[in-house]
N, C-alpha and C. Protein backbone atom coordinates (compact mmCIF):
# COMPACT_ATOMS: atom_id res chain seq x y z
N MET A 1 -35.67 -14.48 50.00
CA MET A 1 -35.16 -15.64 49.21
C MET A 1 -35.70 -17.13 49.89
N SER A 2 -35.93 -18.10 49.14
CA SER A 2 -36.23 -19.20 49.74
C SER A 2 -35.35 -20.35 50.24
N THR A 3 -35.69 -21.23 51.07
CA THR A 3 -34.87 -22.29 51.53
C THR A 3 -33.81 -22.50 50.28
N GLU A 4 -34.43 -23.23 49.43
CA GLU A 4 -34.13 -23.61 48.19
C GLU A 4 -33.19 -23.16 47.50
N THR A 5 -33.53 -21.82 47.19
CA THR A 5 -32.46 -20.81 46.56
C THR A 5 -31.23 -20.67 47.44
N SER A 6 -31.22 -20.64 48.64
CA SER A 6 -30.21 -20.46 49.42
C SER A 6 -29.40 -21.73 49.55
N ASN A 7 -29.77 -22.79 49.31
CA ASN A 7 -29.24 -24.12 49.59
C ASN A 7 -28.60 -24.16 47.85
N ASP A 8 -28.95 -23.60 46.60
CA ASP A 8 -28.76 -23.76 45.62
C ASP A 8 -27.48 -22.85 45.35
N ILE A 9 -27.47 -21.34 46.01
CA ILE A 9 -26.64 -20.78 46.05
C ILE A 9 -25.06 -21.12 46.83
N ARG A 10 -25.31 -21.89 48.24
CA ARG A 10 -24.66 -22.39 48.82
C ARG A 10 -23.74 -23.48 48.53
N ASP A 11 -24.49 -24.36 47.93
CA ASP A 11 -24.08 -25.59 47.17
C ASP A 11 -23.07 -25.29 45.49
N PHE A 12 -23.46 -23.75 44.87
CA PHE A 12 -22.67 -23.40 43.77
C PHE A 12 -21.42 -23.01 44.20
N HIS A 13 -21.13 -22.37 45.60
CA HIS A 13 -20.27 -21.58 46.11
C HIS A 13 -19.45 -23.00 46.67
N GLU A 14 -19.76 -23.76 47.07
CA GLU A 14 -19.07 -25.21 47.41
C GLU A 14 -18.12 -25.83 46.40
N GLN A 15 -19.10 -26.21 45.11
CA GLN A 15 -18.45 -26.70 44.07
C GLN A 15 -17.53 -25.99 43.52
N LEU A 16 -17.87 -24.33 43.28
CA LEU A 16 -16.88 -23.33 42.68
C LEU A 16 -15.33 -23.48 43.80
N LYS A 17 -15.64 -23.73 45.06
CA LYS A 17 -14.41 -23.66 46.02
C LYS A 17 -13.97 -25.10 45.65
N ALA A 18 -14.05 -26.00 45.48
CA ALA A 18 -13.78 -27.19 45.38
C ALA A 18 -13.01 -27.16 43.61
N ILE A 19 -13.29 -26.61 42.80
CA ILE A 19 -12.68 -26.59 41.50
C ILE A 19 -11.50 -25.57 41.34
N LEU A 20 -11.38 -24.42 42.60
CA LEU A 20 -10.61 -23.66 42.28
C LEU A 20 -8.86 -24.22 42.03
N PRO A 21 -8.23 -25.20 42.53
CA PRO A 21 -7.31 -25.80 42.59
C PRO A 21 -6.83 -25.83 40.75
N ARG A 22 -8.20 -26.67 40.17
CA ARG A 22 -8.05 -27.04 38.94
C ARG A 22 -8.18 -25.82 38.12
N LEU A 23 -8.95 -24.82 38.46
CA LEU A 23 -9.05 -23.50 37.85
C LEU A 23 -7.60 -22.68 37.46
N ARG A 24 -6.91 -23.29 38.81
CA ARG A 24 -5.43 -22.33 38.76
C ARG A 24 -4.36 -23.06 38.17
N ILE A 25 -4.43 -24.80 38.19
CA ILE A 25 -3.16 -25.11 37.08
C ILE A 25 -3.99 -25.03 35.93
N TYR A 26 -5.29 -24.85 35.47
CA TYR A 26 -5.47 -24.62 33.64
C TYR A 26 -5.22 -22.85 33.46
N ALA A 27 -5.18 -22.29 34.42
CA ALA A 27 -4.65 -20.67 34.16
C ALA A 27 -2.92 -20.83 34.06
N LEU A 28 -2.41 -21.47 35.02
CA LEU A 28 -1.02 -21.39 34.74
C LEU A 28 -0.80 -22.33 33.43
N SER A 29 -1.03 -22.96 33.08
CA SER A 29 -1.18 -23.83 31.57
C SER A 29 -1.22 -22.78 30.46
N LEU A 30 -2.17 -21.91 30.50
CA LEU A 30 -3.03 -20.74 29.70
C LEU A 30 -1.99 -19.52 29.63
N THR A 31 -1.42 -18.85 30.92
CA THR A 31 -0.69 -17.69 31.01
C THR A 31 0.84 -18.38 31.43
N ARG A 32 1.58 -19.19 31.59
CA ARG A 32 2.56 -19.56 32.06
C ARG A 32 3.47 -18.42 32.80
N ASP A 33 2.66 -17.72 33.53
CA ASP A 33 3.03 -17.07 34.78
C ASP A 33 1.98 -16.88 35.92
N ARG A 34 2.74 -17.31 37.22
CA ARG A 34 2.33 -17.17 38.49
C ARG A 34 0.96 -16.11 38.66
N ASP A 35 1.32 -14.81 38.58
CA ASP A 35 0.71 -13.44 38.84
C ASP A 35 -0.36 -13.61 37.68
N ALA A 36 0.00 -13.53 36.49
CA ALA A 36 -1.54 -13.46 35.50
C ALA A 36 -2.37 -14.92 35.80
N ALA A 37 -2.16 -16.02 35.99
CA ALA A 37 -2.83 -16.95 36.34
C ALA A 37 -3.56 -16.68 37.33
N ASP A 38 -2.86 -15.96 38.83
CA ASP A 38 -3.77 -15.59 39.65
C ASP A 38 -4.92 -14.65 39.31
N ASP A 39 -4.60 -13.69 38.49
CA ASP A 39 -5.72 -12.84 37.99
C ASP A 39 -6.49 -13.16 37.22
N LEU A 40 -6.13 -14.30 36.19
CA LEU A 40 -7.08 -14.84 35.37
C LEU A 40 -8.13 -15.90 36.14
N VAL A 41 -7.68 -16.15 37.48
CA VAL A 41 -8.58 -17.17 38.24
C VAL A 41 -9.25 -16.35 38.79
N HIS A 42 -8.97 -15.36 39.15
CA HIS A 42 -9.89 -14.12 40.15
C HIS A 42 -10.76 -13.53 38.88
N ASP A 43 -10.64 -13.24 37.89
CA ASP A 43 -11.53 -13.09 36.90
C ASP A 43 -12.42 -14.02 36.48
N THR A 44 -11.98 -15.25 36.52
CA THR A 44 -13.19 -15.98 36.37
C THR A 44 -14.21 -16.08 37.32
N VAL A 45 -13.29 -16.32 38.52
CA VAL A 45 -14.61 -16.29 39.80
C VAL A 45 -15.41 -15.30 39.51
N ILE A 46 -15.47 -14.43 39.40
CA ILE A 46 -15.80 -13.12 39.69
C ILE A 46 -16.89 -13.02 38.43
N LYS A 47 -16.32 -13.51 36.99
CA LYS A 47 -17.31 -13.74 36.08
C LYS A 47 -18.15 -14.97 36.52
N ALA A 48 -17.99 -15.94 36.98
CA ALA A 48 -18.98 -17.06 37.41
C ALA A 48 -19.72 -16.80 38.63
N LEU A 49 -19.57 -15.77 39.60
CA LEU A 49 -20.58 -15.28 40.64
C LEU A 49 -21.30 -14.55 40.07
N THR A 50 -21.16 -13.55 39.24
CA THR A 50 -21.88 -12.41 38.83
C THR A 50 -23.04 -13.45 37.57
N GLY A 51 -22.24 -14.27 36.98
CA GLY A 51 -23.08 -14.84 35.87
C GLY A 51 -23.91 -16.47 36.31
N ARG A 52 -23.98 -16.35 37.49
CA ARG A 52 -24.28 -17.62 38.09
C ARG A 52 -25.67 -18.06 37.77
N HIS A 53 -26.41 -16.80 37.75
CA HIS A 53 -27.82 -17.30 37.04
C HIS A 53 -28.12 -18.06 35.73
N SER A 54 -27.02 -17.90 35.20
CA SER A 54 -27.03 -18.67 33.63
C SER A 54 -26.88 -20.05 33.81
N PHE A 55 -26.10 -20.76 34.79
CA PHE A 55 -25.61 -21.74 35.18
C PHE A 55 -26.56 -22.52 35.39
N GLN A 56 -27.16 -23.74 34.67
CA GLN A 56 -28.06 -24.59 34.99
C GLN A 56 -28.08 -25.71 36.27
N PRO A 57 -28.38 -25.94 37.46
CA PRO A 57 -28.23 -26.71 38.37
C PRO A 57 -27.84 -28.15 37.74
N GLY A 58 -27.19 -29.20 37.78
CA GLY A 58 -26.96 -30.32 37.67
C GLY A 58 -26.53 -30.40 36.34
N THR A 59 -25.82 -29.68 35.49
CA THR A 59 -24.86 -29.51 34.46
C THR A 59 -23.36 -29.56 34.75
N ASN A 60 -22.29 -29.85 34.21
CA ASN A 60 -21.07 -29.79 34.49
C ASN A 60 -20.51 -28.41 34.92
N LEU A 61 -20.69 -28.26 36.32
CA LEU A 61 -20.15 -26.58 36.72
C LEU A 61 -18.63 -26.65 36.19
N ALA A 62 -17.47 -27.67 36.24
CA ALA A 62 -16.34 -27.54 36.05
C ALA A 62 -16.22 -27.15 34.28
N ALA A 63 -16.88 -27.63 33.47
CA ALA A 63 -16.74 -27.36 32.10
C ALA A 63 -17.39 -26.02 31.95
N TRP A 64 -18.13 -25.69 32.45
CA TRP A 64 -19.17 -24.10 32.53
C TRP A 64 -17.69 -23.10 32.82
N LEU A 65 -16.80 -23.50 34.19
CA LEU A 65 -16.08 -22.45 34.37
C LEU A 65 -14.63 -22.55 33.33
N PHE A 66 -14.52 -23.79 33.31
CA PHE A 66 -13.08 -23.79 32.03
C PHE A 66 -13.57 -22.73 31.16
N ARG A 67 -14.76 -22.72 30.58
CA ARG A 67 -15.12 -22.33 29.27
C ARG A 67 -14.88 -20.53 29.71
N ILE A 68 -15.62 -20.24 30.90
CA ILE A 68 -15.31 -19.05 31.19
C ILE A 68 -13.78 -18.39 31.44
N GLN A 69 -13.25 -19.56 32.02
CA GLN A 69 -11.87 -18.98 31.85
C GLN A 69 -10.86 -18.80 30.37
N ARG A 70 -11.29 -20.06 29.67
CA ARG A 70 -10.62 -19.79 28.71
C ARG A 70 -10.95 -18.46 27.75
N ASN A 71 -12.67 -17.96 27.72
CA ASN A 71 -12.77 -16.69 27.26
C ASN A 71 -12.31 -15.40 27.47
N GLU A 72 -11.84 -15.46 29.16
CA GLU A 72 -11.40 -14.55 29.76
C GLU A 72 -10.18 -14.39 29.16
N PHE A 73 -9.34 -15.25 29.30
CA PHE A 73 -7.73 -15.32 28.60
C PHE A 73 -7.81 -14.89 27.19
N ILE A 74 -8.65 -15.17 26.45
CA ILE A 74 -8.68 -14.63 24.65
C ILE A 74 -8.87 -13.58 25.06
N SER A 75 -9.80 -13.09 25.75
CA SER A 75 -10.28 -11.40 25.68
C SER A 75 -9.05 -10.75 26.64
N GLY A 76 -8.43 -11.53 27.47
CA GLY A 76 -7.12 -10.66 27.79
C GLY A 76 -6.15 -10.73 26.75
N LEU A 77 -5.84 -11.39 25.93
CA LEU A 77 -4.94 -11.13 24.71
C LEU A 77 -5.31 -10.23 24.03
N ARG A 78 -6.66 -10.09 23.63
CA ARG A 78 -6.84 -9.26 22.88
C ARG A 78 -6.45 -7.80 23.04
N ARG A 79 -6.99 -7.60 24.57
CA ARG A 79 -7.24 -6.26 25.13
C ARG A 79 -5.22 -6.00 25.12
N GLN A 80 -4.36 -6.87 25.34
CA GLN A 80 -3.32 -6.73 25.28
C GLN A 80 -2.93 -6.59 24.26
N ARG A 81 -3.00 -6.63 23.16
CA ARG A 81 -2.60 -6.64 21.88
C ARG A 81 -1.77 -5.65 21.70
N PRO A 82 -0.56 -5.15 21.26
CA PRO A 82 0.39 -4.13 20.96
C PRO A 82 -0.35 -3.32 19.83
N THR A 83 -0.28 -2.01 20.26
CA THR A 83 -0.61 -1.12 19.15
C THR A 83 0.37 -0.09 18.66
N VAL A 84 0.34 0.80 17.68
CA VAL A 84 1.43 1.39 17.48
C VAL A 84 0.40 2.65 16.93
N PRO A 85 0.72 3.85 17.73
CA PRO A 85 0.52 5.18 17.31
C PRO A 85 1.00 5.45 16.23
N VAL A 86 -0.07 5.80 14.90
CA VAL A 86 0.50 6.12 14.17
C VAL A 86 0.38 7.87 13.86
N ASP A 87 1.76 8.20 13.51
CA ASP A 87 2.06 9.57 13.46
C ASP A 87 1.65 9.99 11.98
N THR A 88 1.11 11.29 11.69
CA THR A 88 0.83 11.44 10.81
C THR A 88 1.92 11.80 9.80
N ALA A 89 3.46 12.43 10.22
CA ALA A 89 4.31 12.42 9.40
C ALA A 89 4.73 10.98 9.45
N ILE A 90 4.74 9.94 10.06
CA ILE A 90 5.45 8.61 9.50
C ILE A 90 4.54 8.23 8.34
N ALA A 91 3.14 8.09 8.64
CA ALA A 91 2.15 7.31 8.12
C ALA A 91 2.06 8.31 6.82
N GLU A 92 2.57 9.29 6.31
CA GLU A 92 2.50 9.75 4.95
C GLU A 92 3.95 9.70 4.40
N SER A 93 5.02 9.08 5.13
CA SER A 93 6.44 8.64 4.54
C SER A 93 6.14 7.22 3.98
N LEU A 94 5.52 6.42 4.75
CA LEU A 94 4.88 5.21 4.55
C LEU A 94 3.95 5.06 3.49
N SER A 95 3.27 5.79 3.10
CA SER A 95 2.33 5.81 2.14
C SER A 95 2.77 6.15 0.50
N HIS A 96 2.76 5.84 -0.46
CA HIS A 96 2.95 5.96 -1.46
C HIS A 96 1.95 6.30 -2.58
N PRO A 97 2.49 7.58 -3.29
CA PRO A 97 1.39 8.15 -4.07
C PRO A 97 1.01 7.15 -5.39
N ALA A 98 -0.02 7.56 -5.77
CA ALA A 98 -1.00 6.25 -6.52
C ALA A 98 -0.06 6.46 -7.63
N HIS A 99 -0.02 5.23 -8.90
CA HIS A 99 0.92 5.00 -9.67
C HIS A 99 0.00 5.19 -11.13
N GLN A 100 -1.35 5.54 -11.10
CA GLN A 100 -2.13 5.02 -12.07
C GLN A 100 -1.40 6.75 -12.89
N ASP A 101 -1.45 7.68 -12.31
CA ASP A 101 -1.38 8.82 -12.53
C ASP A 101 -0.50 8.58 -13.65
N SER A 102 0.84 8.27 -13.18
CA SER A 102 2.10 8.45 -13.59
C SER A 102 2.02 7.38 -15.22
N GLY A 103 1.30 6.60 -14.82
CA GLY A 103 1.16 5.34 -16.24
C GLY A 103 0.66 6.13 -17.41
N LEU A 104 -0.63 6.66 -16.98
CA LEU A 104 -1.31 7.15 -17.68
C LEU A 104 -0.55 8.68 -18.53
N VAL A 105 0.03 9.48 -17.85
CA VAL A 105 1.22 10.19 -18.26
C VAL A 105 2.18 9.71 -18.97
N MET A 106 2.76 8.47 -18.77
CA MET A 106 3.77 7.89 -19.91
C MET A 106 2.92 7.52 -21.25
N ARG A 107 1.72 6.88 -20.81
CA ARG A 107 1.35 6.40 -22.04
C ARG A 107 0.81 7.25 -23.16
N GLU A 108 0.42 8.57 -22.18
CA GLU A 108 0.37 10.08 -23.48
C GLU A 108 1.53 10.18 -24.45
N PHE A 109 2.57 10.39 -23.14
CA PHE A 109 3.96 10.57 -23.58
C PHE A 109 4.53 9.84 -25.09
N VAL A 110 4.37 8.57 -24.36
CA VAL A 110 4.53 7.27 -25.51
C VAL A 110 3.89 7.82 -27.07
N SER A 111 2.48 7.57 -26.76
CA SER A 111 1.79 8.34 -27.87
C SER A 111 2.37 9.58 -28.76
N ALA A 112 2.40 10.20 -27.87
CA ALA A 112 2.74 11.61 -28.40
C ALA A 112 4.24 11.37 -29.02
N PHE A 113 5.29 11.02 -28.24
CA PHE A 113 6.56 10.85 -29.13
C PHE A 113 6.63 9.94 -30.24
N ALA A 114 5.66 8.92 -30.40
CA ALA A 114 5.62 8.26 -31.58
C ALA A 114 5.06 8.70 -32.62
N LYS A 115 4.02 10.26 -32.90
CA LYS A 115 3.51 11.13 -33.45
C LYS A 115 4.61 11.90 -34.26
N LEU A 116 5.95 11.72 -33.80
CA LEU A 116 7.19 12.76 -33.98
C LEU A 116 7.52 12.43 -35.45
N ALA A 117 7.91 13.04 -36.36
CA ALA A 117 8.95 12.51 -37.13
C ALA A 117 9.93 11.78 -36.81
N PRO A 118 10.58 10.46 -37.50
CA PRO A 118 11.56 9.85 -37.42
C PRO A 118 12.93 10.76 -37.09
N THR A 119 13.39 11.67 -38.04
CA THR A 119 14.10 12.36 -37.84
C THR A 119 14.19 13.31 -36.51
N GLN A 120 13.22 13.69 -35.98
CA GLN A 120 12.81 14.60 -34.94
C GLN A 120 13.11 13.69 -33.54
N ARG A 121 12.36 12.39 -33.87
CA ARG A 121 12.78 11.61 -32.58
C ARG A 121 13.89 11.29 -32.39
N GLU A 122 14.62 10.88 -33.63
CA GLU A 122 16.26 10.61 -33.56
C GLU A 122 16.91 11.64 -32.82
N ALA A 123 16.72 12.86 -33.62
CA ALA A 123 17.69 13.72 -32.55
C ALA A 123 17.28 13.99 -31.30
N LEU A 124 16.08 14.54 -31.01
CA LEU A 124 15.50 14.50 -29.43
C LEU A 124 16.22 13.33 -28.55
N LEU A 125 15.96 11.97 -29.06
CA LEU A 125 16.85 10.96 -28.26
C LEU A 125 18.37 11.66 -27.96
N LEU A 126 18.90 11.56 -29.24
CA LEU A 126 20.51 11.57 -29.05
C LEU A 126 20.63 12.67 -28.20
N ALA A 127 19.84 13.91 -28.00
CA ALA A 127 20.47 14.75 -27.46
C ALA A 127 19.90 14.67 -25.88
N VAL A 128 18.63 14.49 -25.74
CA VAL A 128 18.12 14.55 -24.27
C VAL A 128 18.68 13.27 -23.59
N LEU A 129 18.46 11.98 -24.16
CA LEU A 129 18.66 10.51 -23.64
C LEU A 129 20.25 10.57 -23.28
N GLU A 130 20.82 10.33 -24.75
CA GLU A 130 22.50 10.40 -24.60
C GLU A 130 22.98 11.48 -24.19
N GLY A 131 22.95 12.34 -24.28
CA GLY A 131 23.41 13.92 -23.84
C GLY A 131 24.34 14.20 -24.51
N LEU A 132 24.04 13.71 -26.17
CA LEU A 132 25.49 14.33 -27.02
C LEU A 132 25.26 15.72 -27.45
N PRO A 133 26.42 16.43 -27.43
CA PRO A 133 26.48 17.93 -28.32
C PRO A 133 25.73 17.56 -29.81
N TYR A 134 25.11 19.18 -29.93
CA TYR A 134 24.90 19.43 -31.37
C TYR A 134 25.68 18.57 -32.28
N GLU A 135 26.79 18.87 -32.43
CA GLU A 135 27.84 18.60 -33.15
C GLU A 135 28.24 17.21 -33.32
N VAL A 136 28.02 16.21 -32.31
CA VAL A 136 27.90 14.86 -32.68
C VAL A 136 26.94 14.73 -33.41
N ILE A 137 25.76 15.03 -33.19
CA ILE A 137 24.67 14.78 -33.58
C ILE A 137 24.30 14.84 -35.06
N ALA A 138 25.11 16.14 -35.26
CA ALA A 138 24.90 16.46 -36.77
C ALA A 138 25.88 15.42 -37.69
N GLN A 139 26.84 15.10 -36.89
CA GLN A 139 28.01 14.41 -38.05
C GLN A 139 27.27 13.12 -38.12
N HIS A 140 26.71 12.50 -36.42
CA HIS A 140 26.06 10.81 -36.63
C HIS A 140 24.95 10.95 -38.07
N THR A 141 24.31 12.09 -37.63
CA THR A 141 23.00 11.78 -39.14
C THR A 141 23.10 12.20 -39.97
N GLY A 142 24.49 13.03 -40.26
CA GLY A 142 24.77 13.37 -41.87
C GLY A 142 24.00 14.72 -42.33
N VAL A 143 23.68 15.83 -41.21
CA VAL A 143 23.12 17.16 -41.33
C VAL A 143 24.04 18.05 -40.67
N SER A 144 23.66 19.31 -40.77
CA SER A 144 24.31 20.52 -40.42
C SER A 144 23.72 20.62 -38.90
N VAL A 145 24.49 21.46 -38.26
CA VAL A 145 24.26 21.59 -36.70
C VAL A 145 22.72 22.24 -36.24
N GLY A 146 22.81 23.43 -37.16
CA GLY A 146 21.38 24.17 -37.27
C GLY A 146 20.15 23.35 -37.43
N THR A 147 20.39 21.89 -38.62
CA THR A 147 19.07 21.13 -38.83
C THR A 147 18.87 20.41 -37.60
N VAL A 148 20.18 20.11 -36.57
CA VAL A 148 19.75 19.20 -35.76
C VAL A 148 19.19 20.20 -34.47
N LYS A 149 19.50 21.27 -34.35
CA LYS A 149 18.73 22.28 -33.75
C LYS A 149 17.41 22.52 -33.85
N SER A 150 16.97 22.51 -35.08
CA SER A 150 15.98 22.91 -35.43
C SER A 150 14.99 21.73 -35.21
N ARG A 151 15.43 20.79 -35.54
CA ARG A 151 14.44 19.18 -35.34
C ARG A 151 14.19 19.07 -33.80
N ILE A 152 15.44 19.62 -32.85
CA ILE A 152 15.06 19.51 -31.51
C ILE A 152 13.92 20.08 -31.03
N SER A 153 14.13 21.49 -31.45
CA SER A 153 12.99 22.68 -31.35
C SER A 153 12.05 21.94 -31.67
N ARG A 154 11.56 21.79 -32.58
CA ARG A 154 10.29 21.45 -33.51
C ARG A 154 9.67 20.15 -32.81
N ALA A 155 10.73 19.04 -32.20
CA ALA A 155 10.35 17.94 -31.87
C ALA A 155 9.51 18.32 -30.37
N ARG A 156 10.52 18.98 -29.64
CA ARG A 156 9.70 19.69 -28.51
C ARG A 156 8.66 20.52 -28.57
N ASP A 157 8.43 21.17 -29.36
CA ASP A 157 7.28 21.79 -29.62
C ASP A 157 6.15 21.25 -29.98
N THR A 158 6.40 20.03 -30.68
CA THR A 158 5.12 18.92 -31.15
C THR A 158 4.69 18.49 -30.42
N LEU A 159 5.68 18.00 -29.11
CA LEU A 159 5.21 16.92 -28.23
C LEU A 159 4.88 17.56 -27.02
N GLU A 160 5.12 19.16 -26.78
CA GLU A 160 4.13 20.09 -25.43
C GLU A 160 2.83 20.12 -26.37
N ARG A 161 2.63 20.29 -27.61
CA ARG A 161 1.21 20.85 -28.18
C ARG A 161 0.40 19.89 -28.35
N LEU A 162 1.02 18.29 -28.47
CA LEU A 162 0.71 17.19 -28.93
C LEU A 162 -0.24 16.86 -27.09
N LEU A 163 0.82 17.24 -26.19
CA LEU A 163 0.82 16.62 -24.66
C LEU A 163 -0.52 17.55 -24.16
N LEU A 164 -0.34 19.05 -24.21
CA LEU A 164 -1.68 20.02 -23.70
C LEU A 164 -2.82 19.88 -24.49
N GLU A 165 -2.73 19.38 -25.86
CA GLU A 165 -3.84 19.36 -26.53
C GLU A 165 -4.70 18.24 -26.56
N GLY A 166 -3.61 16.99 -26.57
CA GLY A 166 -4.16 15.79 -26.44
C GLY A 166 -4.50 15.18 -28.39
N GLU A 167 -3.77 15.90 -28.96
CA GLU A 167 -3.98 15.39 -29.94
C GLU A 167 -4.08 14.02 -30.77
N ALA A 168 -4.65 13.44 -31.56
CA ALA A 168 -4.58 12.02 -31.71
C ALA A 168 -4.31 11.58 -33.39
N LYS A 169 -3.97 12.75 -33.81
CA LYS A 169 -3.67 12.80 -35.58
C LYS A 169 -2.42 11.99 -35.87
N PRO A 170 -2.40 10.98 -36.48
CA PRO A 170 -1.48 10.23 -37.22
C PRO A 170 -0.36 10.75 -37.71
N ARG A 171 0.82 10.66 -37.45
CA ARG A 171 1.81 11.31 -38.51
C ARG A 171 2.29 10.12 -39.35
N PRO A 172 3.20 10.53 -40.86
CA PRO A 172 3.72 9.59 -41.43
C PRO A 172 5.07 9.21 -40.63
N THR A 173 5.35 8.07 -40.86
CA THR A 173 6.56 7.22 -39.81
C THR A 173 7.07 6.45 -40.74
N SER A 174 7.44 7.45 -42.20
CA SER A 174 7.95 6.49 -43.19
C SER A 174 9.54 6.76 -43.39
N GLY A 175 10.11 7.44 -42.33
CA GLY A 175 11.53 7.52 -42.18
C GLY A 175 11.64 9.09 -43.37
N ILE A 176 11.05 9.63 -43.96
CA ILE A 176 11.17 10.71 -44.89
C ILE A 176 11.03 11.88 -44.07
N ASP A 177 11.74 13.15 -44.19
CA ASP A 177 11.83 14.42 -43.75
C ASP A 177 10.14 14.83 -44.31
N THR A 178 9.80 15.72 -43.07
CA THR A 178 8.79 16.36 -43.57
C THR A 178 9.12 17.69 -44.62
N THR A 179 8.23 18.23 -44.93
CA THR A 179 8.48 19.41 -45.65
C THR A 179 9.14 20.23 -44.89
N ALA A 180 8.93 20.73 -43.90
CA ALA A 180 9.72 21.79 -42.79
C ALA A 180 11.07 21.32 -43.03
N ASP A 181 11.17 19.88 -42.22
CA ASP A 181 12.82 19.50 -42.18
C ASP A 181 13.51 19.83 -43.31
N ARG A 182 12.91 19.53 -44.85
CA ARG A 182 13.72 19.46 -45.70
C ARG A 182 13.83 21.08 -45.99
N ASP A 183 13.11 21.78 -46.13
CA ASP A 183 13.39 23.51 -46.17
C ASP A 183 14.19 24.03 -45.60
N ALA A 184 14.35 23.79 -44.04
CA ALA A 184 15.19 24.01 -43.18
C ALA A 184 16.67 23.45 -43.42
N ASP A 185 16.62 22.32 -44.03
CA ASP A 185 17.83 21.53 -44.29
C ASP A 185 18.75 22.57 -45.41
N GLU A 186 17.52 22.33 -46.57
CA GLU A 186 17.96 23.41 -47.50
C GLU A 186 18.65 24.69 -47.53
N ALA A 187 17.71 25.18 -46.58
CA ALA A 187 18.50 26.81 -46.48
C ALA A 187 19.36 26.88 -45.64
N LEU A 188 19.87 25.80 -44.92
CA LEU A 188 21.12 25.81 -44.10
C LEU A 188 22.29 25.51 -44.81
N HIS A 189 21.92 24.04 -45.74
CA HIS A 189 23.17 24.22 -46.54
C HIS A 189 23.63 25.32 -47.68
N GLU A 190 22.72 25.99 -48.02
CA GLU A 190 23.22 27.01 -48.79
C GLU A 190 23.68 27.85 -47.97
N GLN A 191 23.61 28.09 -46.82
CA GLN A 191 24.52 29.02 -45.84
C GLN A 191 25.73 29.01 -45.85
N PRO A 192 26.72 30.06 -45.76
CA PRO A 192 27.86 29.42 -45.24
C PRO A 192 28.17 29.08 -43.86
N ARG A 193 28.91 27.67 -43.95
CA ARG A 193 29.29 27.38 -42.22
C ARG A 193 30.25 28.35 -41.81
């Protein structure tokens, strides 16, 4: 090493020693803890000594050191950022199944349900959603219990077929029974109850 380089290094060390009390005050203001401030000053000095070749003599050494200290403090915060290990069972309990499938299924069901004959829709709604017994549905609709059972059975079969096959054929929605409903109704009315 040349004499000039040794003088530069000695001068750098002297200036660094003179700034140490200010570095400690700044570290205390950042960390608000004596031990953490001492560690921060130590880490700052180590970084400054290992990177002194990047310091340009004649510039503001204090500003350079304070920048190193601030960056070390921020890096320390990032390293200490709390992390939570995610257990597979916990992660699975927190996740939700996709809602798109249920929306599509519901849309298909509503479409298929709309294709049922109005009398079948009514009987199915009263039996399944309202939970009414067949006798009450028969009194409400003015048909026999057998007709109610027939309508509900046909409604379920038609829904199943429409949902499985994805048929898109429109059904009449005029409120008039289909031929099959009328035939079953007439056959049941002719039989003794």
